[in-house]
Amino acid sequence: MYKRQVPIPYASVSTLVSGHPLSATTDDDGRFVLKPLSPGLYGVTFFSMGMKKTLIPGVEVTTDRATYTVSYTHLTLPTSDLV
């Protein structure tokens, strides 16, 4: 796991809501918004070219926070990307 926090722009982000997929793409700063989501815990999948598709279970969605950030801290990089 790469421990430095580096935003991941243009990553695909998705979750399931009542069995239906909901997706978004991160912006230049790795931020994304998935809506509409009710407060609760969600499994969120991230994918970007050259990276392993990663599921992060238990991402908490609250009413006072609508934007989240994807960074290398959360995702595993291929060995060739580690410096």
Protein backbone atom coordinates (compact mmCIF):
# COMPACT_ATOMS: atom_id res chain seq x y z
CA MET A 1 0.00 0.00 0.00
CA TYR A 2 1.36 3.41 -0.98
CA LYS A 3 1.01 5.65 2.09
CA ARG A 4 1.34 9.12 0.58
CA GLN A 5 -1.97 10.88 -0.05
CA VAL A 6 -2.04 11.72 -3.74
CA PRO A 7 -5.42 12.50 -5.35
CA ILE A 8 -6.54 10.21 -8.16
CA PRO A 9 -8.19 12.27 -10.92
CA TYR A 10 -10.68 10.70 -13.33
CA ALA A 11 -11.10 7.46 -11.38
CA SER A 12 -14.35 5.53 -11.69
CA VAL A 13 -16.28 5.32 -8.41
CA SER A 14 -19.36 3.14 -7.89
CA THR A 15 -21.67 1.60 -5.32
CA LEU A 16 -24.94 -0.32 -5.25
CA VAL A 17 -28.16 1.21 -3.92
CA SER A 18 -30.97 -1.30 -3.47
CA GLY A 19 -29.24 -3.51 -6.05
CA HIS A 20 -28.91 -0.71 -8.62
CA PRO A 21 -25.48 0.67 -9.60
CA LEU A 22 -24.66 4.30 -8.94
CA SER A 23 -21.44 5.74 -10.34
CA ALA A 24 -19.37 8.89 -10.69
CA THR A 25 -15.95 10.03 -11.89
CA THR A 26 -13.47 11.86 -9.68
CA ASP A 27 -12.49 15.42 -10.55
CA ASP A 28 -8.96 16.85 -10.94
CA ASP A 29 -8.51 16.74 -7.15
CA GLY A 30 -9.81 13.17 -6.71
CA ARG A 31 -13.15 14.39 -5.29
CA PHE A 32 -16.44 12.77 -6.18
CA VAL A 33 -20.13 12.91 -5.36
CA LEU A 34 -22.44 9.89 -5.52
CA LYS A 35 -26.09 10.86 -5.23
CA PRO A 36 -28.75 10.33 -4.24
CA LEU A 37 -27.48 8.34 -1.23
CA SER A 38 -29.22 8.07 2.11
CA PRO A 39 -27.01 8.20 5.21
CA GLY A 40 -25.51 4.80 5.98
CA LEU A 41 -22.61 2.48 5.21
CA TYR A 42 -21.75 1.59 1.62
CA GLY A 43 -19.21 -0.55 -0.18
CA VAL A 44 -17.53 1.76 -2.70
CA THR A 45 -15.49 0.48 -5.63
CA PHE A 46 -12.69 2.55 -7.20
CA PHE A 47 -10.95 1.94 -10.50
CA SER A 48 -8.44 3.91 -12.54
CA MET A 49 -6.35 2.91 -15.55
CA GLY A 50 -3.21 1.08 -14.45
CA MET A 51 -4.63 0.37 -11.00
CA LYS A 52 -6.27 -2.63 -9.43
CA LYS A 53 -10.04 -2.32 -8.96
CA THR A 54 -10.53 -1.85 -5.22
CA LEU A 55 -13.59 -2.23 -2.97
CA ILE A 56 -13.60 -0.23 0.24
CA PRO A 57 -16.35 -1.58 2.50
CA GLY A 58 -18.10 0.47 5.18
CA VAL A 59 -17.72 3.97 3.71
CA GLU A 60 -19.96 6.11 5.90
CA VAL A 61 -22.25 8.62 4.19
CA THR A 62 -23.58 11.37 6.44
CA THR A 63 -26.00 14.23 5.87
CA ASP A 64 -23.33 16.86 6.54
CA ARG A 65 -20.73 15.54 4.08
CA ALA A 66 -21.50 15.14 0.41
CA THR A 67 -18.03 15.16 -1.19
CA TYR A 68 -15.33 12.54 -0.71
CA THR A 69 -11.77 12.25 -2.03
CA VAL A 70 -10.02 9.24 -3.58
CA SER A 71 -6.29 9.17 -2.93
CA TYR A 72 -3.44 6.66 -3.23
CA THR A 73 -3.76 6.16 0.52
CA HIS A 74 -6.93 4.19 -0.20
CA LEU A 75 -5.88 2.26 -3.29
CA THR A 76 -3.21 -0.28 -4.08
CA LEU A 77 -0.87 0.69 -6.90
CA PRO A 78 0.82 -1.73 -9.25
CA THR A 79 4.42 -2.38 -8.19
CA SER A 80 5.76 -0.47 -11.20
CA ASP A 81 4.15 2.75 -9.85
CA LEU A 82 5.92 2.65 -6.49
CA VAL A 83 8.94 4.94 -6.15
